[in-house]
């Protein structure tokens, strides 16, 4: 049996951040992931300014070999309704490709990595955690996303936690596609569903375009996605949309009844812990922060303090409450067509985390 100080299941940003902090402190970390890296992850690929403080490298050096798209403007509206353009005059966020970012974070983690192995059995033996009878450690970190086997075994069902479901596609733009694409590189476009239970996006990153839609309503996703794509074509935002390459994913948001985040020698991080922002669905920042905080709790032998530290750093769990659908359909489109509302309430508060002091 292969042994380590800490076992981490999942090599995304949360698992890599946790591994990096632990290996820096001299711990022997074994990280196991079902995929072989570089692997792509369904995600719009948008990082907010706070993410830069959590990355183990300067963004400028990363941009020398990877896609980094500065974002200084946005287009906001409702699907089928009016839209407004909001400009900031300088970059306030950046676009990346997850296939590149995740691979770089894992490469820099310092962990011993086992790729292409899906963990199926989690056991507790003589004070140690044992995975599939092959790997053992005194401490176990669940970082395997929404379907993380560690979370499923130890974190409870969290039936009261809202789940976002989404579908997206990311594809390279050929010369003809670029000419027919009205989505500009530094201006992502966000279009909210009329019932305010989800939104679609068009996000151009250098020579790549990411299109998708996510909702808190799993049963209504196909119909809303079809309506969104028809809207993009009818308004000539895109000349065409690929039929192939679409991928679905799901994640819990940080609202409602949480999972059990830690216990006897184990801790959950990132999407395995259900930490995505309920307002925007942002998951990269909570993943990096939770990975770092979990490592600090492990090093200090204070796992019980981990949930409280998450609350202090990320803020208290939010709410997914929206207006009744009939009312939302009436007031939503006019509100999103107001420049002040689109900037202050939607972008600044929900997507960019810009406080009044920061804007001043």
Protein backbone atom coordinates (compact mmCIF):
# COMPACT_ATOMS: atom_id res chain seq x y z
CA UNK A 1 0.00 0.00 0.00
CA UNK A 2 1.29 3.46 -0.91
CA UNK A 3 1.34 5.86 2.03
CA UNK A 4 1.49 9.63 2.42
CA UNK A 5 0.87 12.26 5.06
CA UNK A 6 -2.18 13.58 3.22
CA UNK A 7 -4.34 12.12 0.46
CA UNK A 8 -6.16 14.55 -1.83
CA UNK A 9 -8.87 13.34 -4.19
CA UNK A 10 -9.19 15.83 -7.05
CA UNK A 11 -6.61 17.87 -8.95
CA UNK A 12 -8.59 21.02 -9.73
CA UNK A 13 -7.79 24.44 -8.23
CA UNK A 14 -8.99 23.46 -4.74
CA UNK A 15 -6.94 20.27 -4.57
CA UNK A 16 -3.87 21.90 -6.10
CA UNK A 17 -4.04 24.89 -3.74
CA UNK A 18 -4.31 22.60 -0.74
CA UNK A 19 -1.43 20.43 -1.97
CA UNK A 20 0.79 23.44 -2.65
CA UNK A 21 0.40 24.81 0.87
CA UNK A 22 0.99 21.40 2.44
CA UNK A 23 4.05 20.48 0.38
CA UNK A 24 5.54 23.92 1.03
CA UNK A 25 5.33 23.07 4.74
CA UNK A 26 7.11 19.77 4.15
CA UNK A 27 4.16 17.36 4.11
CA UNK A 28 4.17 14.38 1.76
CA UNK A 29 1.02 14.72 -0.36
CA UNK A 30 -0.42 12.17 -2.76
CA UNK A 31 -3.07 13.59 -5.11
CA UNK A 32 -5.37 11.31 -7.10
CA UNK A 33 -7.55 12.39 -10.02
CA UNK A 34 -9.80 10.41 -12.37
CA UNK A 35 -8.61 12.43 -15.37
CA UNK A 36 -5.25 12.76 -17.09
CA UNK A 37 -3.95 16.33 -17.19
CA UNK A 38 -4.17 18.59 -19.04
CA UNK A 39 -7.89 18.03 -18.94
CA UNK A 40 -10.62 20.52 -19.67
CA UNK A 41 -13.26 21.50 -17.13
CA UNK A 42 -16.65 22.89 -18.15
CA UNK A 43 -16.42 26.50 -17.01
CA UNK A 44 -16.75 29.98 -18.52
CA UNK A 45 -13.14 30.59 -17.45
CA UNK A 46 -13.49 33.96 -15.76
CA UNK A 47 -11.29 34.96 -12.82
CA UNK A 48 -11.98 37.93 -10.56
CA UNK A 49 -9.25 40.20 -9.14
CA UNK A 50 -9.17 38.37 -5.77
CA UNK A 51 -8.08 35.21 -7.57
CA UNK A 52 -4.79 36.87 -8.51
CA UNK A 53 -3.84 37.05 -4.82
CA UNK A 54 -4.36 33.29 -4.48
CA UNK A 55 -2.40 32.22 -7.57
CA UNK A 56 1.15 30.92 -6.95
CA UNK A 57 2.51 32.89 -9.91
CA UNK A 58 2.26 36.42 -11.37
CA UNK A 59 -0.43 36.68 -14.01
CA UNK A 60 2.01 38.40 -16.39
CA UNK A 61 4.38 35.42 -16.41
CA UNK A 62 1.48 32.99 -16.81
CA UNK A 63 0.22 35.04 -19.78
CA UNK A 64 3.48 34.50 -21.65
CA UNK A 65 2.46 30.92 -22.47
CA UNK A 66 -1.29 30.81 -21.82
CA UNK A 67 -4.50 32.60 -22.71
CA UNK A 68 -5.17 35.61 -20.48
CA UNK A 69 -7.87 37.96 -21.72
CA UNK A 70 -8.21 41.29 -19.86
CA UNK A 71 -11.84 42.33 -19.32
CA UNK A 72 -12.69 46.01 -19.03
CA UNK A 73 -16.28 46.11 -20.36
CA UNK A 74 -19.49 44.09 -20.18
CA UNK A 75 -22.75 43.79 -22.08
CA UNK A 76 -25.68 42.98 -19.77
CA UNK A 77 -29.35 42.31 -20.45
CA UNK A 78 -32.11 39.73 -20.46
CA UNK A 79 -32.64 37.06 -23.07
CA UNK A 80 -34.91 38.62 -25.67
CA UNK A 81 -34.81 42.01 -23.96
CA UNK A 82 -32.80 45.22 -24.10
CA UNK A 83 -29.10 45.32 -23.25
CA UNK A 84 -26.72 47.92 -21.86
CA UNK A 85 -22.96 48.30 -22.16
CA UNK A 86 -20.93 48.92 -19.01
CA UNK A 87 -17.32 50.08 -19.20
CA UNK A 88 -14.70 50.35 -16.45
CA UNK A 89 -11.84 51.95 -18.36
CA UNK A 90 -9.31 49.37 -17.14
CA UNK A 91 -9.22 45.57 -16.67
CA UNK A 92 -11.38 44.41 -13.77
CA UNK A 93 -11.30 40.67 -14.52
CA UNK A 94 -9.52 38.22 -16.78
CA UNK A 95 -10.48 35.32 -19.00
CA UNK A 96 -8.51 32.06 -18.89
CA UNK A 97 -8.89 28.54 -20.25
CA UNK A 98 -9.41 25.97 -17.54
CA UNK A 99 -7.51 23.31 -19.44
CA UNK A 100 -4.42 25.53 -19.09
CA UNK A 101 -4.93 27.00 -15.62
CA UNK A 102 -5.73 23.73 -13.87
CA UNK A 103 -2.75 21.96 -15.41
CA UNK A 104 -0.39 24.76 -14.36
CA UNK A 105 -1.72 24.81 -10.79
CA UNK A 106 -1.35 21.04 -10.51
CA UNK A 107 2.16 21.15 -11.96
CA UNK A 108 3.20 23.67 -9.33
CA UNK A 109 1.49 21.88 -6.42
CA UNK A 110 4.52 19.82 -5.45
CA UNK A 111 2.35 16.76 -4.81
CA UNK A 112 2.92 13.24 -6.03
CA UNK A 113 0.16 12.82 -8.60
CA UNK A 114 -1.74 9.73 -9.69
CA UNK A 115 -3.75 10.46 -12.85
CA UNK A 116 -6.47 8.46 -14.57
CA UNK A 117 -7.57 6.66 -11.39
CA UNK A 118 -11.14 7.03 -10.13
CA UNK A 119 -11.50 6.49 -6.38
CA UNK A 120 -14.35 4.10 -5.66
CA UNK A 121 -13.95 3.00 -2.04
CA UNK A 122 -13.24 5.16 1.02
CA UNK A 123 -12.46 3.33 4.27
CA UNK A 124 -11.32 4.13 7.79
CA UNK A 125 -8.76 1.63 9.12
CA UNK A 126 -6.87 1.90 12.40
CA UNK A 127 -6.95 5.69 12.46
CA UNK A 128 -5.99 6.09 8.78
CA UNK A 129 -7.94 6.73 5.59
CA UNK A 130 -7.60 4.07 2.90
CA UNK A 131 -8.68 4.54 -0.71
CA UNK A 132 -9.46 1.50 -2.85
CA UNK A 133 -7.13 -0.54 -0.67
CA UNK A 134 -4.15 1.08 -2.43
CA UNK A 135 -3.43 4.44 -0.83
CA UNK A 136 -3.33 5.42 2.84
CA UNK A 137 -2.86 8.58 4.92
CA UNK A 138 -3.89 9.99 8.29
CA UNK A 139 -5.61 12.95 6.61
CA UNK A 140 -7.97 12.95 3.64
CA UNK A 141 -9.04 15.93 1.51
CA UNK A 142 -12.09 15.73 -0.76
CA UNK A 143 -11.51 18.00 -3.77
CA UNK A 144 -13.22 16.00 -6.49
CA UNK A 145 -15.97 18.42 -7.46
CA UNK A 146 -19.73 17.94 -7.35
CA UNK A 147 -19.50 14.14 -7.56
CA UNK A 148 -16.48 13.81 -5.26
CA UNK A 149 -16.41 10.29 -3.76
CA UNK A 150 -15.04 11.63 -0.48
CA UNK A 151 -17.90 14.12 -0.18
CA UNK A 152 -20.42 11.45 -1.08
CA UNK A 153 -19.04 9.11 1.58
CA UNK A 154 -18.41 11.60 4.38
CA UNK A 155 -20.13 14.89 3.69
CA UNK A 156 -23.77 13.90 3.83
CA UNK A 157 -26.38 14.50 1.17
CA UNK A 158 -26.95 18.25 1.70
CA UNK A 159 -30.41 17.90 0.21
CA UNK A 160 -31.21 21.51 1.07
CA UNK A 161 -28.29 22.95 -0.89
CA UNK A 162 -29.28 24.50 -4.24
CA UNK A 163 -27.62 22.98 -7.29
CA UNK A 164 -26.78 24.84 -10.50
CA UNK A 165 -26.85 22.88 -13.74
CA UNK A 166 -25.21 24.25 -16.86
CA UNK A 167 -24.17 23.45 -20.39
CA UNK A 168 -21.33 25.15 -22.23
CA UNK A 169 -19.07 24.85 -25.22
CA UNK A 170 -15.65 26.38 -25.84
CA UNK A 171 -14.22 26.39 -29.34
CA UNK A 172 -11.53 28.13 -31.40
CA UNK A 173 -12.60 30.89 -33.73
CA UNK A 174 -11.44 30.49 -37.30
CA UNK A 175 -10.94 33.49 -39.61
CA UNK A 176 -14.54 33.34 -40.84
CA UNK A 177 -15.89 32.94 -37.32
CA UNK A 178 -14.02 35.99 -36.08
CA UNK A 179 -15.50 38.18 -38.80
CA UNK A 180 -19.02 37.03 -37.97
CA UNK A 181 -18.65 37.26 -34.18
CA UNK A 182 -19.89 40.50 -32.62
CA UNK A 183 -18.72 39.48 -29.14
CA UNK A 184 -15.64 41.57 -28.44
CA UNK A 185 -12.57 40.22 -26.66
CA UNK A 186 -12.61 42.56 -23.67
CA UNK A 187 -16.42 42.58 -23.30
CA UNK A 188 -18.14 39.41 -22.08
CA UNK A 189 -21.88 39.36 -22.63
CA UNK A 190 -24.27 38.26 -19.88
CA UNK A 191 -27.96 37.63 -20.61
CA UNK A 192 -30.25 36.72 -17.74
CA UNK A 193 -33.29 34.47 -17.99
CA UNK A 194 -36.51 36.41 -17.58
CA UNK A 195 -37.41 34.49 -14.40
CA UNK A 196 -33.97 35.45 -12.96
CA UNK A 197 -33.12 31.84 -12.11
CA UNK A 198 -30.09 31.69 -14.39
CA UNK A 199 -28.10 33.42 -17.10
CA UNK A 200 -26.30 32.75 -20.33
CA UNK A 201 -22.92 34.07 -21.41
CA UNK A 202 -20.75 34.69 -24.45
CA UNK A 203 -17.13 35.09 -23.51
CA UNK A 204 -14.38 35.65 -26.08
CA UNK A 205 -10.83 34.90 -24.97
CA UNK A 206 -8.27 35.77 -27.62
CA UNK A 207 -8.93 33.15 -30.30
CA UNK A 208 -11.49 31.18 -28.26
CA UNK A 209 -15.19 31.63 -27.59
CA UNK A 210 -17.08 30.18 -24.63
CA UNK A 211 -20.88 30.04 -24.76
CA UNK A 212 -23.13 28.57 -22.10
CA UNK A 213 -26.07 28.88 -19.76
CA UNK A 214 -26.58 27.86 -16.13
CA UNK A 215 -29.74 27.67 -14.02
CA UNK A 216 -30.98 26.74 -10.58
CA UNK A 217 -33.77 24.86 -12.37
CA UNK A 218 -32.44 21.55 -13.74
CA UNK A 219 -35.67 20.60 -15.52
CA UNK A 220 -35.90 23.85 -17.45
CA UNK A 221 -32.30 23.99 -18.64
CA UNK A 222 -32.76 22.57 -22.19
CA UNK A 223 -35.59 24.93 -23.11
CA UNK A 224 -33.84 28.00 -21.73
CA UNK A 225 -30.59 27.07 -23.48
CA UNK A 226 -32.40 26.66 -26.81
CA UNK A 227 -34.05 30.07 -26.34
CA UNK A 228 -30.71 31.66 -25.49
CA UNK A 229 -28.95 30.26 -28.55
CA UNK A 230 -31.83 31.32 -30.79
CA UNK A 231 -31.55 34.83 -29.30
CA UNK A 232 -27.80 34.97 -30.04
CA UNK A 233 -28.37 33.98 -33.65
CA UNK A 234 -31.37 36.27 -34.14
CA UNK A 235 -29.45 39.27 -32.80
CA UNK A 236 -26.41 38.28 -34.88
CA UNK A 237 -24.10 38.08 -31.91
CA UNK A 238 -22.75 34.90 -33.52
CA UNK A 239 -22.85 33.66 -37.08
CA UNK A 240 -23.16 30.02 -36.02
CA UNK A 241 -22.98 27.81 -32.95
CA UNK A 242 -21.28 24.38 -32.92
CA UNK A 243 -23.54 21.37 -32.53
CA UNK A 244 -20.75 19.23 -31.07
CA UNK A 245 -18.53 19.77 -28.06
CA UNK A 246 -21.25 20.73 -25.59
CA UNK A 247 -20.68 19.59 -22.03
CA UNK A 248 -22.85 19.62 -18.96
CA UNK A 249 -21.85 20.13 -15.37
CA UNK A 250 -23.40 20.74 -11.97
CA UNK A 251 -22.29 22.30 -8.72
CA UNK A 252 -23.75 23.25 -5.37
CA UNK A 253 -23.81 26.89 -4.34
CA UNK A 254 -23.02 28.22 -0.90
CA UNK A 255 -26.58 28.61 0.33
CA UNK A 256 -29.08 26.54 2.24
CA UNK A 257 -28.06 23.54 4.35
CA UNK A 258 -24.31 22.94 3.89
CA UNK A 259 -22.50 19.66 3.65
CA UNK A 260 -20.54 18.38 6.61
CA UNK A 261 -17.24 20.09 5.70
CA UNK A 262 -14.84 18.33 8.05
CA UNK A 263 -14.55 15.57 10.59
CA UNK A 264 -12.13 13.01 11.98
CA UNK A 265 -9.11 13.49 9.74
CA UNK A 266 -10.99 14.67 6.66
CA UNK A 267 -11.97 17.98 5.05
CA UNK A 268 -13.88 19.04 1.92
CA UNK A 269 -12.84 21.88 -0.39
CA UNK A 270 -14.05 23.62 -3.55
CA UNK A 271 -17.10 22.23 -5.34
CA UNK A 272 -16.94 19.11 -3.19
CA UNK A 273 -17.85 21.41 -0.29
CA UNK A 274 -20.50 23.30 -2.28
CA UNK A 275 -18.82 26.70 -2.12
CA UNK A 276 -19.73 28.39 -5.44
CA UNK A 277 -21.17 31.89 -5.22
CA UNK A 278 -25.00 31.77 -5.28
CA UNK A 279 -25.16 35.10 -7.13
CA UNK A 280 -22.75 34.46 -10.01
CA UNK A 281 -21.78 30.78 -9.80
CA UNK A 282 -18.12 31.74 -9.39
CA UNK A 283 -16.17 28.72 -8.19
CA UNK A 284 -12.47 29.32 -8.84
CA UNK A 285 -11.97 31.84 -6.02
CA UNK A 286 -13.78 29.72 -3.37
CA UNK A 287 -11.80 26.70 -4.59
CA UNK A 288 -8.42 28.36 -4.15
CA UNK A 289 -9.35 29.95 -0.82
CA UNK A 290 -10.82 26.77 0.64
CA UNK A 291 -7.81 24.73 -0.47
CA UNK A 292 -5.45 27.12 1.28
CA UNK A 293 -7.59 27.33 4.43
CA UNK A 294 -7.94 23.56 4.61
CA UNK A 295 -4.16 23.16 4.39
CA UNK A 296 -3.68 25.71 7.17
CA UNK A 297 -6.19 23.84 9.34
CA UNK A 298 -4.43 20.53 8.67
CA UNK A 299 -1.00 21.97 9.51
CA UNK A 300 -2.34 23.46 12.74
CA UNK A 301 -4.28 20.26 13.61
CA UNK A 302 -7.44 22.37 13.89
CA UNK A 303 -9.83 20.97 11.31
CA UNK A 304 -12.85 21.95 13.41
CA UNK A 305 -12.01 25.63 12.87
CA UNK A 306 -12.11 25.29 9.08
CA UNK A 307 -15.85 26.05 8.52
CA UNK A 308 -15.62 29.19 10.67
CA UNK A 309 -12.58 30.41 8.79
CA UNK A 310 -14.41 29.89 5.52
CA UNK A 311 -17.23 32.10 6.78
CA UNK A 312 -14.81 34.83 7.82
CA UNK A 313 -12.93 34.86 4.51
CA UNK A 314 -15.72 34.12 2.02
CA UNK A 315 -18.54 35.68 4.00
CA UNK A 316 -21.62 33.97 5.35
CA UNK A 317 -23.54 31.65 3.02
CA UNK A 318 -25.76 33.60 0.64
CA UNK A 319 -29.26 33.17 -0.66
CA UNK A 320 -30.72 31.99 -3.96
CA UNK A 321 -34.08 33.58 -3.27
CA UNK A 322 -35.55 35.43 -6.25
CA UNK A 323 -38.83 37.13 -6.98
CA UNK A 324 -41.86 34.99 -7.84
CA UNK A 325 -41.58 34.05 -11.50
CA UNK A 326 -44.59 36.05 -12.67
CA UNK A 327 -43.26 39.20 -11.02
CA UNK A 328 -39.66 38.52 -12.13
CA UNK A 329 -40.76 38.35 -15.77
CA UNK A 330 -42.37 41.78 -15.41
CA UNK A 331 -39.68 43.70 -13.51
CA UNK A 332 -36.55 41.84 -14.66
CA UNK A 333 -36.15 43.11 -18.25
CA UNK A 334 -36.63 46.81 -17.40
CA UNK A 335 -34.20 46.60 -14.46
CA UNK A 336 -31.41 44.99 -16.47
CA UNK A 337 -31.78 47.69 -19.13
CA UNK A 338 -30.92 50.40 -16.56
CA UNK A 339 -27.14 51.14 -16.72
CA UNK A 340 -26.90 51.93 -12.97
CA UNK A 341 -28.59 48.66 -12.01
CA UNK A 342 -26.51 46.60 -14.45
CA UNK A 343 -23.28 48.08 -13.14
CA UNK A 344 -23.85 48.50 -9.39
CA UNK A 345 -26.21 45.66 -8.56
CA UNK A 346 -25.29 43.01 -11.10
CA UNK A 347 -21.63 43.49 -12.00
CA UNK A 348 -20.10 45.31 -9.02
CA UNK A 349 -21.93 43.40 -6.31
CA UNK A 350 -22.53 39.93 -7.72
CA UNK A 351 -19.69 39.38 -10.18
CA UNK A 352 -16.78 41.65 -9.31
CA UNK A 353 -17.09 41.95 -5.50
CA UNK A 354 -16.42 45.68 -5.76
CA UNK A 355 -17.31 47.46 -2.52
CA UNK A 356 -18.36 51.08 -2.30
CA UNK A 357 -14.91 51.92 -0.93
CA UNK A 358 -13.18 50.20 -3.83
CA UNK A 359 -15.29 52.09 -6.35
CA UNK A 360 -14.61 55.47 -4.76
